[in-house]
């Protein structure tokens, strides 16, 4: 069968992207960049003229100098031709790099087949355990007005900021970001140096999880694989690792 990739648009392949999101069944870290003008190029994949899937290339922002394949979806009935379709995408796009989410099983196979120098940029966490960590006298303060937060959720950009305060002093900062597929909210947090290793970071993550659910969102998070303190804080608050953001360069052959 003849596999071809032709330039398309994110809107044209939206029904396929909906199916892709359903299969991923979790936070898709780079989902939002399709909405940023000029940041992506999308290809529709065909087998003998029949639509079989799509592929997307990131080529602006952090990828300005390293255009990278970051999405590749093939309809289940055409997956016996996945390699041919991926090679058609490579030919049409001339992409030389890949940045994938490892729970994207099909694209992970392509990464390990076609790429080299593979390394992990981030660990992705999902919520799995409800915790009851003590506040130790600290209180959470919301900085972002409710309407601004609702707008961020509706527009899938921006977020909500919070402080953790103890005796009038800020011990940690954090928030929720909504630049992801519905209904996910990404948690970020940083503890002020003198208050580290006292459980405040984990407590704030726990409370940010609660805030996310109250807003109708599902909390998730990411951290650098080498950041052991962040990994421990996230896990103590009930978030568990489920994927890596993996990067690789495509072999010349």
Protein backbone atom coordinates (compact mmCIF):
# COMPACT_ATOMS: atom_id res chain seq x y z
CA UNK A 1 0.00 0.00 0.00
CA UNK A 2 1.20 3.55 -0.73
CA UNK A 3 1.73 5.61 2.42
CA UNK A 4 1.82 9.38 2.01
CA UNK A 5 1.87 12.41 4.33
CA UNK A 6 0.37 15.69 3.11
CA UNK A 7 0.38 19.11 4.76
CA UNK A 8 -2.86 19.81 6.61
CA UNK A 9 -4.10 21.80 9.63
CA UNK A 10 -4.85 21.02 13.26
CA UNK A 11 -8.51 21.91 12.66
CA UNK A 12 -8.78 19.50 9.72
CA UNK A 13 -7.49 16.56 11.73
CA UNK A 14 -9.38 17.53 14.90
CA UNK A 15 -11.61 14.40 14.83
CA UNK A 16 -8.44 12.30 14.77
CA UNK A 17 -6.90 14.39 17.56
CA UNK A 18 -10.02 13.77 19.66
CA UNK A 19 -9.47 10.02 19.29
CA UNK A 20 -5.78 10.49 20.08
CA UNK A 21 -6.65 12.32 23.32
CA UNK A 22 -9.06 9.55 24.29
CA UNK A 23 -6.39 6.91 23.84
CA UNK A 24 -3.83 8.91 25.81
CA UNK A 25 -6.32 9.11 28.71
CA UNK A 26 -4.26 11.63 30.67
CA UNK A 27 -2.47 14.93 30.58
CA UNK A 28 -0.94 15.69 27.16
CA UNK A 29 1.87 18.08 27.98
CA UNK A 30 2.18 19.73 24.55
CA UNK A 31 -1.50 19.72 23.57
CA UNK A 32 -1.84 23.51 23.75
CA UNK A 33 0.86 24.44 21.25
CA UNK A 34 -1.54 23.72 18.38
CA UNK A 35 -3.33 26.92 19.43
CA UNK A 36 -0.19 29.07 19.12
CA UNK A 37 0.02 30.61 15.68
CA UNK A 38 2.99 29.30 13.71
CA UNK A 39 4.18 26.87 16.35
CA UNK A 40 3.16 23.63 14.63
CA UNK A 41 2.78 22.00 11.24
CA UNK A 42 0.28 19.17 10.88
CA UNK A 43 0.28 16.37 8.30
CA UNK A 44 -2.54 14.06 7.38
CA UNK A 45 -1.47 10.47 6.74
CA UNK A 46 -2.99 8.45 3.91
CA UNK A 47 -2.88 4.83 2.74
CA UNK A 48 -3.85 4.49 -0.92
CA UNK A 49 -5.77 7.75 -0.60
CA UNK A 50 -7.62 6.72 2.58
CA UNK A 51 -7.11 8.80 5.75
CA UNK A 52 -5.12 6.71 8.22
CA UNK A 53 -3.94 9.22 10.84
CA UNK A 54 -1.97 12.40 11.41
CA UNK A 55 1.40 13.66 12.59
CA UNK A 56 2.44 17.00 14.10
CA UNK A 57 5.74 18.86 14.14
CA UNK A 58 6.70 21.56 16.69
CA UNK A 59 8.87 24.25 15.08
CA UNK A 60 8.67 27.44 17.14
CA UNK A 61 9.35 28.46 20.72
CA UNK A 62 11.69 25.91 22.34
CA UNK A 63 11.74 23.97 19.05
CA UNK A 64 12.79 26.90 16.84
CA UNK A 65 16.17 25.33 16.07
CA UNK A 66 15.10 21.70 16.45
CA UNK A 67 11.77 21.06 14.65
CA UNK A 68 10.47 17.93 16.38
CA UNK A 69 7.80 15.31 15.81
CA UNK A 70 5.63 15.37 18.93
CA UNK A 71 2.40 13.66 17.84
CA UNK A 72 1.78 10.63 15.64
CA UNK A 73 -1.59 8.92 15.56
CA UNK A 74 -2.74 6.05 13.36
CA UNK A 75 -6.27 4.69 13.37
CA UNK A 76 -6.35 1.18 14.88
CA UNK A 77 -7.40 -0.48 11.61
CA UNK A 78 -4.30 0.91 9.87
CA UNK A 79 -1.65 0.22 12.50
CA UNK A 80 -0.24 -2.74 10.58
CA UNK A 81 1.23 0.01 8.37
CA UNK A 82 2.46 2.25 11.19
CA UNK A 83 6.12 2.13 10.17
CA UNK A 84 5.38 3.00 6.54
CA UNK A 85 3.19 5.89 7.68
CA UNK A 86 5.86 7.18 10.05
CA UNK A 87 8.48 7.03 7.30
CA UNK A 88 6.10 8.98 5.06
CA UNK A 89 5.86 11.62 7.80
CA UNK A 90 9.65 11.76 8.04
CA UNK A 91 9.96 12.21 4.29
CA UNK A 92 7.33 14.95 4.07
CA UNK A 93 8.41 16.91 7.14
CA UNK A 94 12.18 16.36 7.04
CA UNK A 95 12.07 16.51 10.85
CA UNK A 96 15.32 15.42 12.49
CA UNK A 97 14.19 15.36 16.12
CA UNK A 98 11.46 13.84 18.27
CA UNK A 99 9.97 14.87 21.62
CA UNK A 100 7.39 12.43 22.88
CA UNK A 101 5.39 11.46 25.93
CA UNK A 102 6.26 7.86 26.77
CA UNK A 103 2.67 6.81 27.51
CA UNK A 104 2.00 7.54 23.82
CA UNK A 105 2.72 3.89 23.07
CA UNK A 106 2.80 4.04 19.27
CA UNK A 107 5.05 7.10 19.11
CA UNK A 108 7.31 5.62 21.80
CA UNK A 109 7.85 2.63 19.52
CA UNK A 110 8.78 5.01 16.69
CA UNK A 111 11.21 6.88 18.93
CA UNK A 112 13.08 3.72 19.89
CA UNK A 113 13.06 2.51 16.29
CA UNK A 114 14.19 5.65 14.48
CA UNK A 115 15.98 7.86 17.03
CA UNK A 116 19.27 7.89 18.93
CA UNK A 117 20.71 9.83 21.89
CA UNK A 118 17.42 9.43 23.75
CA UNK A 119 17.10 11.27 27.06
CA UNK A 120 14.40 12.22 29.54
CA UNK A 121 13.51 15.88 29.99
CA UNK A 122 10.67 15.52 32.51
CA UNK A 123 8.78 12.95 34.54
CA UNK A 124 5.00 13.30 34.27
CA UNK A 125 2.88 12.57 37.35
CA UNK A 126 -0.82 11.79 37.75
CA UNK A 127 -2.96 11.84 40.88
CA UNK A 128 -3.55 8.46 42.48
CA UNK A 129 -3.77 8.78 46.27
CA UNK A 130 -5.79 11.04 48.56
CA UNK A 131 -3.58 12.28 51.39
CA UNK A 132 -4.17 14.03 54.72
CA UNK A 133 -0.89 15.81 55.36
CA UNK A 134 -0.86 18.27 58.29
CA UNK A 135 -0.70 22.03 57.73
CA UNK A 136 1.75 22.56 60.61
CA UNK A 137 0.22 25.98 61.19
CA UNK A 138 0.44 27.16 57.58
CA UNK A 139 -2.48 28.50 55.54
CA UNK A 140 -3.08 28.64 51.81
CA UNK A 141 -3.92 32.01 50.28
CA UNK A 142 -5.40 32.38 46.81
CA UNK A 143 -3.88 35.24 44.81
CA UNK A 144 -5.75 34.95 41.49
CA UNK A 145 -9.35 36.22 41.41
CA UNK A 146 -12.02 33.58 40.78
CA UNK A 147 -13.14 35.11 37.48
CA UNK A 148 -9.58 35.23 36.15
CA UNK A 149 -9.17 31.56 37.05
CA UNK A 150 -12.44 30.63 35.32
CA UNK A 151 -11.30 32.52 32.21
CA UNK A 152 -7.99 30.65 32.22
CA UNK A 153 -9.81 27.31 32.39
CA UNK A 154 -12.19 28.26 29.56
CA UNK A 155 -9.41 29.61 27.33
CA UNK A 156 -6.93 26.84 28.24
CA UNK A 157 -4.20 29.35 29.00
CA UNK A 158 -2.95 31.07 32.12
CA UNK A 159 -3.56 29.75 35.59
CA UNK A 160 -4.15 30.41 39.27
CA UNK A 161 -1.51 31.41 41.84
CA UNK A 162 -1.41 30.56 45.54
CA UNK A 163 0.79 31.24 48.58
CA UNK A 164 1.47 29.12 51.64
CA UNK A 165 1.91 31.43 54.64
CA UNK A 166 3.15 30.74 58.16
CA UNK A 167 3.06 33.47 60.84
CA UNK A 168 2.92 36.15 58.15
CA UNK A 169 5.87 34.75 56.18
CA UNK A 170 5.61 33.11 52.76
CA UNK A 171 6.96 29.56 53.03
CA UNK A 172 6.00 28.31 49.56
CA UNK A 173 4.49 29.50 46.29
CA UNK A 174 2.64 27.51 43.69
CA UNK A 175 -0.32 27.28 41.42
CA UNK A 176 -2.26 25.57 38.67
CA UNK A 177 -1.67 25.94 34.94
CA UNK A 178 -4.38 25.16 32.39
CA UNK A 179 -2.31 24.94 29.16
CA UNK A 180 -3.32 21.32 28.67
CA UNK A 181 -6.08 19.13 27.33
CA UNK A 182 -9.38 19.27 29.22
CA UNK A 183 -9.78 18.65 32.15
CA UNK A 184 -6.16 18.66 33.36
CA UNK A 185 -4.41 21.26 35.52
CA UNK A 186 -0.64 21.17 36.01
CA UNK A 187 0.64 21.83 39.53
CA UNK A 188 3.81 23.82 40.15
CA UNK A 189 5.34 24.61 43.53
CA UNK A 190 8.49 26.01 45.13
CA UNK A 191 9.35 26.15 48.82
CA UNK A 192 11.33 29.09 50.18
CA UNK A 193 14.84 27.96 51.20
CA UNK A 194 14.63 28.30 55.01
CA UNK A 195 11.39 26.26 55.11
CA UNK A 196 12.48 23.30 52.99
CA UNK A 197 12.41 19.71 54.31
CA UNK A 198 9.62 20.45 56.77
CA UNK A 199 6.72 19.05 54.74
CA UNK A 200 5.39 22.41 53.53
CA UNK A 201 5.95 21.67 49.84
CA UNK A 202 4.02 18.40 49.96
CA UNK A 203 1.25 20.05 51.95
CA UNK A 204 0.89 22.81 49.34
CA UNK A 205 0.78 20.23 46.52
CA UNK A 206 -1.94 18.38 48.44
CA UNK A 207 -3.96 21.57 48.77
CA UNK A 208 -3.41 22.52 45.11
CA UNK A 209 -4.83 19.11 44.20
CA UNK A 210 -7.90 19.95 46.26
CA UNK A 211 -8.21 23.35 44.55
CA UNK A 212 -7.96 21.72 41.12
CA UNK A 213 -10.76 19.27 41.86
CA UNK A 214 -12.90 22.10 43.25
CA UNK A 215 -12.47 23.85 39.89
CA UNK A 216 -13.58 20.76 37.96
CA UNK A 217 -10.01 19.92 36.87
CA UNK A 218 -7.81 16.87 37.36
CA UNK A 219 -4.43 17.66 38.94
CA UNK A 220 -1.15 16.46 37.44
CA UNK A 221 2.46 17.59 37.56
CA UNK A 222 5.92 17.35 36.00
CA UNK A 223 9.47 17.61 37.30
CA UNK A 224 13.05 17.20 36.17
CA UNK A 225 14.19 13.57 36.65
CA UNK A 226 17.21 14.78 38.63
CA UNK A 227 15.14 16.90 41.04
CA UNK A 228 14.84 14.39 43.84
CA UNK A 229 13.27 16.85 46.29
CA UNK A 230 10.44 17.66 43.87
CA UNK A 231 9.90 14.00 43.08
CA UNK A 232 9.58 13.20 46.77
CA UNK A 233 7.22 16.12 47.44
CA UNK A 234 4.91 15.16 44.60
CA UNK A 235 4.81 11.52 45.64
CA UNK A 236 4.23 12.36 49.31
CA UNK A 237 1.17 14.36 48.21
CA UNK A 238 -0.26 11.37 46.33
CA UNK A 239 0.96 12.01 42.79
CA UNK A 240 2.59 9.05 41.07
CA UNK A 241 4.91 8.89 38.02
CA UNK A 242 3.39 7.49 34.84
CA UNK A 243 5.40 8.85 31.88
CA UNK A 244 8.55 10.59 30.68
CA UNK A 245 8.99 13.40 28.19
CA UNK A 246 11.62 11.80 25.97
CA UNK A 247 13.81 13.51 23.37
CA UNK A 248 15.87 11.98 20.59
CA UNK A 249 17.51 12.81 17.28
CA UNK A 250 16.45 10.85 14.20
CA UNK A 251 19.13 8.65 12.70
CA UNK A 252 20.33 9.66 9.25
CA UNK A 253 19.74 6.20 7.85
